[in-house]
Amino acid sequence: MISKINLKSAVLTFIIALFSSHFVNSQSETNNNQNLETTILKLDSEFWASYNTCNLDKFKTFFVEDFEFYHDKGGLTSGFTKMMELVETGLCGSENPRVRREVIEGSVNVYPLNKYGAIITGDHKFFVTEKGKKEVPTEIAKFTHVWQHKNNEWKMTRVLSYNHQPAPQNTDKKEVTLPNEILMQYVGTYQAPNTGTVIVSKKDNFLEINAGKMQAIIYPQSERLFFHKQSPLTFEFIKDENHKVVKFIVRENGNVAEEAKKL
């Protein structure tokens, strides 16, 4: 007959062995996930480097033949060949503006995909440089890439790009609060040569611009200077010698784009 002491000892040994096994397995899984994350982040960095520099020889090595690209605005692009045609004539076309992608720090996550590979998700921002002009931010979006590990190689099989939004603009400008009487000076109807009739109205501590189908909220940076948060536009209100508002000047990236006279 087994003694109570031996029984307790056997149970204790079993519990220790069970938890030790669980700890080892958990530790092994953690190490595997860390290695996977390191691998995918490195591949992701190399992929976007080829994208930003239009290194097409490197770029095309990241995809399988039956690759699919899902874009919330462009729809579905099926097949590696079709995707490369679009990249060569669009993104990397010799006459087209240059596009640069930048990851939003802290947004990226990597997840294991059992018996297949991995998924990487995150947020990123896109910048455009037109010939003779400065680089400007254009869009922010979310991305999800599916990586397959097959025959000792990592390839992307599916890419999703979605939730595209205008990139924040004029982020170097600080909003100030103006008295109601100053804001009311700018309210009225204006006429611009290209835009046509422009209506300026007051909304809380900012102004609203309406011109046809165009609507924009502009925020005060100083008493006479306002800025738009969704585009690189600024609006400067001009007064005459009698301190009466006579017009406003619209600038895009510092260059005069329009001038509207108050009626």
C-alpha atoms as a PDB file:
ATOM      1  CA  MET A   1       0.000   0.000   0.000  1.00  0.00           C
ATOM      2  CA  ILE A   2       1.328   3.424  -1.031  1.00  0.00           C
ATOM      3  CA  SER A   3       1.998   5.693   1.918  1.00  0.00           C
ATOM      4  CA  LYS A   4       0.438   9.144   2.145  1.00  0.00           C
ATOM      5  CA  ILE A   5       3.919  10.703   2.007  1.00  0.00           C
ATOM      6  CA  ASN A   6       4.841   8.873  -1.208  1.00  0.00           C
ATOM      7  CA  LEU A   7       1.481   9.804  -2.745  1.00  0.00           C
ATOM      8  CA  LYS A   8       1.980  13.465  -1.922  1.00  0.00           C
ATOM      9  CA  SER A   9       5.501  13.287  -3.326  1.00  0.00           C
ATOM     10  CA  ALA A  10       4.249  11.706  -6.553  1.00  0.00           C
ATOM     11  CA  VAL A  11       1.550  14.346  -6.960  1.00  0.00           C
ATOM     12  CA  LEU A  12       4.049  17.139  -6.272  1.00  0.00           C
ATOM     13  CA  THR A  13       6.488  15.692  -8.821  1.00  0.00           C
ATOM     14  CA  PHE A  14       3.712  15.500 -11.423  1.00  0.00           C
ATOM     15  CA  ILE A  15       2.669  19.127 -10.812  1.00  0.00           C
ATOM     16  CA  ILE A  16       6.271  20.359 -11.062  1.00  0.00           C
ATOM     17  CA  ALA A  17       6.791  18.401 -14.283  1.00  0.00           C
ATOM     18  CA  LEU A  18       3.535  19.721 -15.742  1.00  0.00           C
ATOM     19  CA  PHE A  19       4.294  23.367 -15.047  1.00  0.00           C
ATOM     20  CA  SER A  20       7.927  23.006 -16.073  1.00  0.00           C
ATOM     21  CA  SER A  21       6.793  21.585 -19.422  1.00  0.00           C
ATOM     22  CA  HIS A  22       4.289  24.389 -19.843  1.00  0.00           C
ATOM     23  CA  PHE A  23       6.967  26.993 -19.049  1.00  0.00           C
ATOM     24  CA  VAL A  24       9.426  25.493 -21.547  1.00  0.00           C
ATOM     25  CA  ASN A  25       6.779  25.340 -24.273  1.00  0.00           C
ATOM     26  CA  SER A  26       5.666  28.911 -23.584  1.00  0.00           C
ATOM     27  CA  GLN A  27       9.249  30.125 -23.596  1.00  0.00           C
ATOM     28  CA  SER A  28       9.913  28.302 -26.871  1.00  0.00           C
ATOM     29  CA  GLU A  29       6.777  29.805 -28.445  1.00  0.00           C
ATOM     30  CA  THR A  30       7.790  33.281 -27.294  1.00  0.00           C
ATOM     31  CA  ASN A  31      11.257  32.873 -28.809  1.00  0.00           C
ATOM     32  CA  ASN A  32       9.764  31.625 -32.082  1.00  0.00           C
ATOM     33  CA  ASN A  33       7.387  34.609 -32.249  1.00  0.00           C
ATOM     34  CA  GLN A  34      10.240  37.028 -31.572  1.00  0.00           C
ATOM     35  CA  ASN A  35      12.314  35.443 -34.342  1.00  0.00           C
ATOM     36  CA  LEU A  36       9.320  35.616 -36.689  1.00  0.00           C
ATOM     37  CA  GLU A  37       8.756  39.280 -35.906  1.00  0.00           C
ATOM     38  CA  THR A  38      12.417  40.096 -36.541  1.00  0.00           C
ATOM     39  CA  THR A  39      12.287  38.296 -39.898  1.00  0.00           C
ATOM     40  CA  ILE A  40       9.060  39.939 -41.082  1.00  0.00           C
ATOM     41  CA  LEU A  41      10.092  43.430 -39.978  1.00  0.00           C
ATOM     42  CA  LYS A  42      13.355  43.054 -41.892  1.00  0.00           C
ATOM     43  CA  LEU A  43      11.530  41.893 -45.030  1.00  0.00           C
ATOM     44  CA  ASP A  44       9.007  44.696 -44.657  1.00  0.00           C
ATOM     45  CA  SER A  45      11.790  47.285 -44.406  1.00  0.00           C
ATOM     46  CA  GLU A  46      13.516  45.912 -47.506  1.00  0.00           C
ATOM     47  CA  PHE A  47      10.250  45.847 -49.450  1.00  0.00           C
ATOM     48  CA  TRP A  48       9.394  49.471 -48.719  1.00  0.00           C
ATOM     49  CA  ALA A  49      12.958  50.570 -49.482  1.00  0.00           C
ATOM     50  CA  SER A  50      12.552  49.108 -52.973  1.00  0.00           C
ATOM     51  CA  TYR A  51       9.152  50.824 -53.262  1.00  0.00           C
ATOM     52  CA  ASN A  52      10.519  54.251 -52.299  1.00  0.00           C
ATOM     53  CA  THR A  53      13.463  54.041 -54.696  1.00  0.00           C
ATOM     54  CA  CYS A  54      11.638  52.273 -57.561  1.00  0.00           C
ATOM     55  CA  ASN A  55      14.180  49.460 -57.451  1.00  0.00           C
ATOM     56  CA  LEU A  56      11.981  47.208 -59.590  1.00  0.00           C
ATOM     57  CA  ASP A  57      14.492  44.331 -59.769  1.00  0.00           C
ATOM     58  CA  LYS A  58      14.334  44.077 -55.972  1.00  0.00           C
ATOM     59  CA  PHE A  59      10.654  44.985 -55.713  1.00  0.00           C
ATOM     60  CA  LYS A  60       9.411  42.073 -57.832  1.00  0.00           C
ATOM     61  CA  THR A  61      11.221  39.477 -55.702  1.00  0.00           C
ATOM     62  CA  PHE A  62       8.739  39.896 -52.844  1.00  0.00           C
ATOM     63  CA  PHE A  63       5.634  38.441 -54.546  1.00  0.00           C
ATOM     64  CA  VAL A  64       4.111  35.142 -55.629  1.00  0.00           C
ATOM     65  CA  GLU A  65       2.652  34.723 -59.141  1.00  0.00           C
ATOM     66  CA  ASP A  66      -0.989  34.655 -57.977  1.00  0.00           C
ATOM     67  CA  PHE A  67      -0.508  37.744 -55.836  1.00  0.00           C
ATOM     68  CA  GLU A  68      -3.594  39.871 -55.076  1.00  0.00           C
ATOM     69  CA  PHE A  69      -3.679  43.543 -54.119  1.00  0.00           C
ATOM     70  CA  TYR A  70      -6.808  44.991 -52.503  1.00  0.00           C
ATOM     71  CA  HIS A  71      -7.118  48.787 -52.439  1.00  0.00           C
ATOM     72  CA  ASP A  72     -10.143  50.556 -50.969  1.00  0.00           C
ATOM     73  CA  LYS A  73     -10.137  53.106 -53.809  1.00  0.00           C
ATOM     74  CA  GLY A  74      -8.598  51.162 -56.692  1.00  0.00           C
ATOM     75  CA  GLY A  75     -10.301  47.817 -56.057  1.00  0.00           C
ATOM     76  CA  LEU A  76      -8.657  44.450 -56.752  1.00  0.00           C
ATOM     77  CA  THR A  77      -5.511  43.917 -58.804  1.00  0.00           C
ATOM     78  CA  SER A  78      -5.037  40.211 -59.566  1.00  0.00           C
ATOM     79  CA  GLY A  79      -1.745  38.641 -60.537  1.00  0.00           C
ATOM     80  CA  PHE A  80       1.906  39.543 -60.264  1.00  0.00           C
ATOM     81  CA  THR A  81       2.187  40.559 -63.955  1.00  0.00           C
ATOM     82  CA  LYS A  82      -0.697  43.027 -63.813  1.00  0.00           C
ATOM     83  CA  MET A  83       0.578  44.548 -60.591  1.00  0.00           C
ATOM     84  CA  MET A  84       4.072  45.071 -62.032  1.00  0.00           C
ATOM     85  CA  GLU A  85       2.625  46.748 -65.141  1.00  0.00           C
ATOM     86  CA  LEU A  86       0.805  49.252 -62.948  1.00  0.00           C
ATOM     87  CA  VAL A  87       3.919  49.940 -60.868  1.00  0.00           C
ATOM     88  CA  GLU A  88       6.147  50.434 -63.916  1.00  0.00           C
ATOM     89  CA  THR A  89       3.754  52.849 -65.664  1.00  0.00           C
ATOM     90  CA  GLY A  90       2.284  54.508 -62.567  1.00  0.00           C
ATOM     91  CA  LEU A  91       4.335  54.618 -59.394  1.00  0.00           C
ATOM     92  CA  CYS A  92       7.652  54.436 -61.228  1.00  0.00           C
ATOM     93  CA  GLY A  93       6.660  56.050 -64.538  1.00  0.00           C
ATOM     94  CA  SER A  94       9.348  58.460 -65.690  1.00  0.00           C
ATOM     95  CA  GLU A  95       6.942  61.399 -66.098  1.00  0.00           C
ATOM     96  CA  ASN A  96       4.972  60.815 -62.911  1.00  0.00           C
ATOM     97  CA  PRO A  97       5.541  62.440 -59.498  1.00  0.00           C
ATOM     98  CA  ARG A  98       7.715  60.493 -57.054  1.00  0.00           C
ATOM     99  CA  VAL A  99       5.953  58.777 -54.167  1.00  0.00           C
ATOM    100  CA  ARG A 100       7.571  57.995 -50.823  1.00  0.00           C
ATOM    101  CA  ARG A 101       6.067  55.884 -48.059  1.00  0.00           C
ATOM    102  CA  GLU A 102       6.858  56.302 -44.354  1.00  0.00           C
ATOM    103  CA  VAL A 103       5.630  54.042 -41.560  1.00  0.00           C
ATOM    104  CA  ILE A 104       3.855  55.648 -38.603  1.00  0.00           C
ATOM    105  CA  GLU A 105       6.019  54.748 -35.646  1.00  0.00           C
ATOM    106  CA  GLY A 106       4.470  52.443 -33.070  1.00  0.00           C
ATOM    107  CA  SER A 107       1.642  51.264 -35.347  1.00  0.00           C
ATOM    108  CA  VAL A 108       3.152  48.030 -36.712  1.00  0.00           C
ATOM    109  CA  ASN A 109       2.282  44.562 -35.398  1.00  0.00           C
ATOM    110  CA  VAL A 110       3.319  41.095 -36.604  1.00  0.00           C
ATOM    111  CA  TYR A 111       1.188  37.990 -36.036  1.00  0.00           C
ATOM    112  CA  PRO A 112       2.003  34.313 -36.727  1.00  0.00           C
ATOM    113  CA  LEU A 113      -0.209  32.544 -39.273  1.00  0.00           C
ATOM    114  CA  ASN A 114      -0.243  28.845 -38.363  1.00  0.00           C
ATOM    115  CA  LYS A 115       1.278  26.505 -40.972  1.00  0.00           C
ATOM    116  CA  TYR A 116       1.447  29.358 -43.496  1.00  0.00           C
ATOM    117  CA  GLY A 117       3.572  32.333 -42.471  1.00  0.00           C
ATOM    118  CA  ALA A 118       2.728  35.678 -40.920  1.00  0.00           C
ATOM    119  CA  ILE A 119       0.597  38.799 -41.078  1.00  0.00           C
ATOM    120  CA  ILE A 120       1.922  42.328 -40.646  1.00  0.00           C
ATOM    121  CA  THR A 121      -0.363  45.317 -40.083  1.00  0.00           C
ATOM    122  CA  GLY A 122       0.122  48.997 -39.397  1.00  0.00           C
ATOM    123  CA  ASP A 123      -0.410  52.596 -40.499  1.00  0.00           C
ATOM    124  CA  HIS A 124       1.643  54.593 -42.936  1.00  0.00           C
ATOM    125  CA  LYS A 125       1.895  57.977 -44.608  1.00  0.00           C
ATOM    126  CA  PHE A 126       2.599  58.838 -48.259  1.00  0.00           C
ATOM    127  CA  PHE A 127       4.496  61.839 -49.625  1.00  0.00           C
ATOM    128  CA  VAL A 128       4.554  63.142 -53.217  1.00  0.00           C
ATOM    129  CA  THR A 129       7.243  65.161 -54.966  1.00  0.00           C
ATOM    130  CA  GLU A 130       6.360  66.813 -58.255  1.00  0.00           C
ATOM    131  CA  LYS A 131       9.063  68.103 -60.554  1.00  0.00           C
ATOM    132  CA  GLY A 132      10.471  71.371 -59.304  1.00  0.00           C
ATOM    133  CA  LYS A 133       8.385  71.307 -56.122  1.00  0.00           C
ATOM    134  CA  LYS A 134       8.912  70.396 -52.495  1.00  0.00           C
ATOM    135  CA  GLU A 135       7.793  67.052 -51.095  1.00  0.00           C
ATOM    136  CA  VAL A 136       4.341  67.218 -49.486  1.00  0.00           C
ATOM    137  CA  PRO A 137       2.376  64.669 -47.414  1.00  0.00           C
ATOM    138  CA  THR A 138      -0.716  63.441 -49.257  1.00  0.00           C
ATOM    139  CA  GLU A 139      -2.370  60.469 -47.549  1.00  0.00           C
ATOM    140  CA  ILE A 140      -2.384  58.242 -44.510  1.00  0.00           C
ATOM    141  CA  ALA A 141      -3.727  54.675 -44.627  1.00  0.00           C
ATOM    142  CA  LYS A 142      -3.732  51.260 -43.005  1.00  0.00           C
ATOM    143  CA  PHE A 143      -2.004  48.217 -44.465  1.00  0.00           C
ATOM    144  CA  THR A 144      -2.159  44.458 -43.991  1.00  0.00           C
ATOM    145  CA  HIS A 145       0.328  42.135 -45.731  1.00  0.00           C
ATOM    146  CA  VAL A 146       0.140  38.348 -45.749  1.00  0.00           C
ATOM    147  CA  TRP A 147       3.533  36.605 -45.938  1.00  0.00           C
ATOM    148  CA  GLN A 148       3.896  32.961 -46.941  1.00  0.00           C
ATOM    149  CA  HIS A 149       6.853  30.806 -45.933  1.00  0.00           C
ATOM    150  CA  LYS A 150       7.318  28.149 -48.603  1.00  0.00           C
ATOM    151  CA  ASN A 151      10.391  26.302 -49.935  1.00  0.00           C
ATOM    152  CA  ASN A 152      12.543  28.244 -47.457  1.00  0.00           C
ATOM    153  CA  GLU A 153      11.443  31.555 -48.992  1.00  0.00           C
ATOM    154  CA  TRP A 154       9.232  34.370 -47.764  1.00  0.00           C
ATOM    155  CA  LYS A 155       6.838  35.887 -50.313  1.00  0.00           C
ATOM    156  CA  MET A 156       3.822  38.157 -50.070  1.00  0.00           C
ATOM    157  CA  THR A 157       0.601  36.602 -51.298  1.00  0.00           C
ATOM    158  CA  ARG A 158      -1.950  39.268 -50.377  1.00  0.00           C
ATOM    159  CA  VAL A 159      -1.708  43.002 -49.708  1.00  0.00           C
ATOM    160  CA  LEU A 160      -4.541  45.163 -48.381  1.00  0.00           C
ATOM    161  CA  SER A 161      -4.361  48.967 -48.398  1.00  0.00           C
ATOM    162  CA  TYR A 162      -7.374  50.725 -46.908  1.00  0.00           C
ATOM    163  CA  ASN A 163      -8.865  53.578 -44.890  1.00  0.00           C
ATOM    164  CA  HIS A 164      -7.055  56.171 -46.991  1.00  0.00           C
ATOM    165  CA  GLN A 165      -7.429  59.667 -45.538  1.00  0.00           C
ATOM    166  CA  PRO A 166      -5.874  63.046 -46.356  1.00  0.00           C
ATOM    167  CA  ALA A 167      -2.620  63.457 -44.467  1.00  0.00           C
ATOM    168  CA  PRO A 168      -2.572  66.148 -41.776  1.00  0.00           C
ATOM    169  CA  GLN A 169      -1.124  69.378 -43.190  1.00  0.00           C
ATOM    170  CA  ASN A 170       0.392  72.524 -41.721  1.00  0.00           C
ATOM    171  CA  THR A 171       1.385  70.558 -38.626  1.00  0.00           C
ATOM    172  CA  ASP A 172       4.051  73.172 -37.861  1.00  0.00           C
ATOM    173  CA  LYS A 173       1.368  75.810 -37.290  1.00  0.00           C
ATOM    174  CA  LYS A 174      -0.240  76.471 -33.910  1.00  0.00           C
ATOM    175  CA  GLU A 175      -3.882  77.464 -33.569  1.00  0.00           C
ATOM    176  CA  VAL A 176      -4.666  80.582 -31.535  1.00  0.00           C
ATOM    177  CA  THR A 177      -7.926  81.995 -30.144  1.00  0.00           C
ATOM    178  CA  LEU A 178      -9.256  85.250 -31.594  1.00  0.00           C
ATOM    179  CA  PRO A 179     -11.963  87.535 -30.178  1.00  0.00           C
ATOM    180  CA  ASN A 180     -15.363  87.265 -31.827  1.00  0.00           C
ATOM    181  CA  GLU A 181     -15.209  90.851 -33.143  1.00  0.00           C
ATOM    182  CA  ILE A 182     -12.042  90.108 -35.123  1.00  0.00           C
ATOM    183  CA  LEU A 183     -13.442  86.934 -36.673  1.00  0.00           C
ATOM    184  CA  MET A 184     -16.617  88.764 -37.669  1.00  0.00           C
ATOM    185  CA  GLN A 185     -14.553  91.251 -39.714  1.00  0.00           C
ATOM    186  CA  TYR A 186     -13.725  88.472 -42.183  1.00  0.00           C
ATOM    187  CA  VAL A 187     -17.289  87.229 -42.650  1.00  0.00           C
ATOM    188  CA  GLY A 188     -18.805  88.050 -46.019  1.00  0.00           C
ATOM    189  CA  THR A 189     -18.861  87.365 -49.757  1.00  0.00           C
ATOM    190  CA  TYR A 190     -15.696  87.391 -51.842  1.00  0.00           C
ATOM    191  CA  GLN A 191     -15.004  87.022 -55.565  1.00  0.00           C
ATOM    192  CA  ALA A 192     -11.978  85.135 -56.928  1.00  0.00           C
ATOM    193  CA  PRO A 193     -10.894  84.866 -60.604  1.00  0.00           C
ATOM    194  CA  ASN A 194     -10.527  81.069 -60.599  1.00  0.00           C
ATOM    195  CA  THR A 195     -12.757  79.933 -57.735  1.00  0.00           C
ATOM    196  CA  GLY A 196     -15.657  82.316 -58.312  1.00  0.00           C
ATOM    197  CA  THR A 197     -17.929  83.355 -55.464  1.00  0.00           C
ATOM    198  CA  VAL A 198     -16.576  82.523 -52.001  1.00  0.00           C
ATOM    199  CA  ILE A 199     -18.610  82.751 -48.808  1.00  0.00           C
ATOM    200  CA  VAL A 200     -16.762  83.156 -45.501  1.00  0.00           C
ATOM    201  CA  SER A 201     -18.739  82.504 -42.311  1.00  0.00           C
ATOM    202  CA  LYS A 202     -17.865  82.181 -38.632  1.00  0.00           C
ATOM    203  CA  LYS A 203     -18.067  78.822 -36.834  1.00  0.00           C
ATOM    204  CA  ASP A 204     -17.047  78.871 -33.160  1.00  0.00           C
ATOM    205  CA  ASN A 205     -13.384  79.992 -33.066  1.00  0.00           C
ATOM    206  CA  PHE A 206     -12.678  79.407 -36.746  1.00  0.00           C
ATOM    207  CA  LEU A 207     -13.905  80.355 -40.199  1.00  0.00           C
ATOM    208  CA  GLU A 208     -15.691  78.273 -42.813  1.00  0.00           C
ATOM    209  CA  ILE A 209     -14.970  78.741 -46.514  1.00  0.00           C
ATOM    210  CA  ASN A 210     -17.646  77.776 -49.043  1.00  0.00           C
ATOM    211  CA  ALA A 211     -17.155  77.994 -52.811  1.00  0.00           C
ATOM    212  CA  GLY A 212     -19.544  75.892 -54.857  1.00  0.00           C
ATOM    213  CA  LYS A 213     -19.063  72.298 -53.742  1.00  0.00           C
ATOM    214  CA  MET A 214     -15.866  73.150 -51.878  1.00  0.00           C
ATOM    215  CA  GLN A 215     -16.075  73.522 -48.117  1.00  0.00           C
ATOM    216  CA  ALA A 216     -13.140  74.062 -45.775  1.00  0.00           C
ATOM    217  CA  ILE A 217     -12.590  74.976 -42.145  1.00  0.00           C
ATOM    218  CA  ILE A 218      -9.666  77.337 -41.554  1.00  0.00           C
ATOM    219  CA  TYR A 219      -8.048  77.983 -38.168  1.00  0.00           C
ATOM    220  CA  PRO A 220      -6.423  81.211 -36.927  1.00  0.00           C
ATOM    221  CA  GLN A 221      -2.652  81.220 -36.658  1.00  0.00           C
ATOM    222  CA  SER A 222      -2.509  84.958 -35.987  1.00  0.00           C
ATOM    223  CA  GLU A 223      -4.940  87.870 -36.240  1.00  0.00           C
ATOM    224  CA  ARG A 224      -4.938  87.868 -40.053  1.00  0.00           C
ATOM    225  CA  LEU A 225      -3.431  84.516 -41.007  1.00  0.00           C
ATOM    226  CA  PHE A 226      -5.429  81.254 -41.093  1.00  0.00           C
ATOM    227  CA  PHE A 227      -4.514  77.712 -42.118  1.00  0.00           C
ATOM    228  CA  HIS A 228      -6.251  74.547 -43.330  1.00  0.00           C
ATOM    229  CA  LYS A 229      -5.428  71.294 -41.526  1.00  0.00           C
ATOM    230  CA  GLN A 230      -6.208  68.957 -44.443  1.00  0.00           C
ATOM    231  CA  SER A 231      -4.195  70.711 -47.158  1.00  0.00           C
ATOM    232  CA  PRO A 232      -1.062  72.892 -47.405  1.00  0.00           C
ATOM    233  CA  LEU A 233      -3.176  76.053 -47.779  1.00  0.00           C
ATOM    234  CA  THR A 234      -2.992  79.302 -45.820  1.00  0.00           C
ATOM    235  CA  PHE A 235      -5.375  82.266 -45.992  1.00  0.00           C
ATOM    236  CA  GLU A 236      -4.183  85.811 -45.295  1.00  0.00           C
ATOM    237  CA  PHE A 237      -6.791  88.529 -44.867  1.00  0.00           C
ATOM    238  CA  ILE A 238      -5.715  91.984 -46.081  1.00  0.00           C
ATOM    239  CA  LYS A 239      -6.988  95.312 -44.762  1.00  0.00           C
ATOM    240  CA  ASP A 240      -6.764  98.765 -46.313  1.00  0.00           C
ATOM    241  CA  GLU A 241      -5.533 101.952 -44.677  1.00  0.00           C
ATOM    242  CA  ASN A 242      -8.886 102.300 -42.919  1.00  0.00           C
ATOM    243  CA  HIS A 243      -8.484  98.813 -41.362  1.00  0.00           C
ATOM    244  CA  LYS A 244     -11.300  97.433 -43.486  1.00  0.00           C
ATOM    245  CA  VAL A 245     -10.958  93.903 -44.879  1.00  0.00           C
ATOM    246  CA  VAL A 246     -10.699  94.105 -48.676  1.00  0.00           C
ATOM    247  CA  LYS A 247      -9.489  90.628 -49.734  1.00  0.00           C
ATOM    248  CA  PHE A 248      -7.767  87.417 -48.747  1.00  0.00           C
ATOM    249  CA  ILE A 249      -4.810  85.692 -50.386  1.00  0.00           C
ATOM    250  CA  VAL A 250      -4.620  81.894 -50.649  1.00  0.00           C
ATOM    251  CA  ARG A 251      -1.171  80.317 -50.635  1.00  0.00           C
ATOM    252  CA  GLU A 252      -0.285  76.680 -51.301  1.00  0.00           C
ATOM    253  CA  ASN A 253       3.050  75.592 -49.847  1.00  0.00           C
ATOM    254  CA  GLY A 254       3.927  79.279 -49.610  1.00  0.00           C
ATOM    255  CA  ASN A 255       3.083  80.102 -53.243  1.00  0.00           C
ATOM    256  CA  VAL A 256       0.149  82.387 -54.134  1.00  0.00           C
ATOM    257  CA  ALA A 257      -2.659  80.245 -55.569  1.00  0.00           C
ATOM    258  CA  GLU A 258      -5.672  82.591 -55.501  1.00  0.00           C
ATOM    259  CA  GLU A 259      -6.764  86.070 -54.453  1.00  0.00           C
ATOM    260  CA  ALA A 260     -10.353  86.832 -53.509  1.00  0.00           C
ATOM    261  CA  LYS A 261     -11.721  90.386 -53.197  1.00  0.00           C
ATOM    262  CA  LYS A 262     -14.424  91.188 -50.684  1.00  0.00           C
ATOM    263  CA  LEU A 263     -17.670  92.439 -52.195  1.00  0.00           C
END
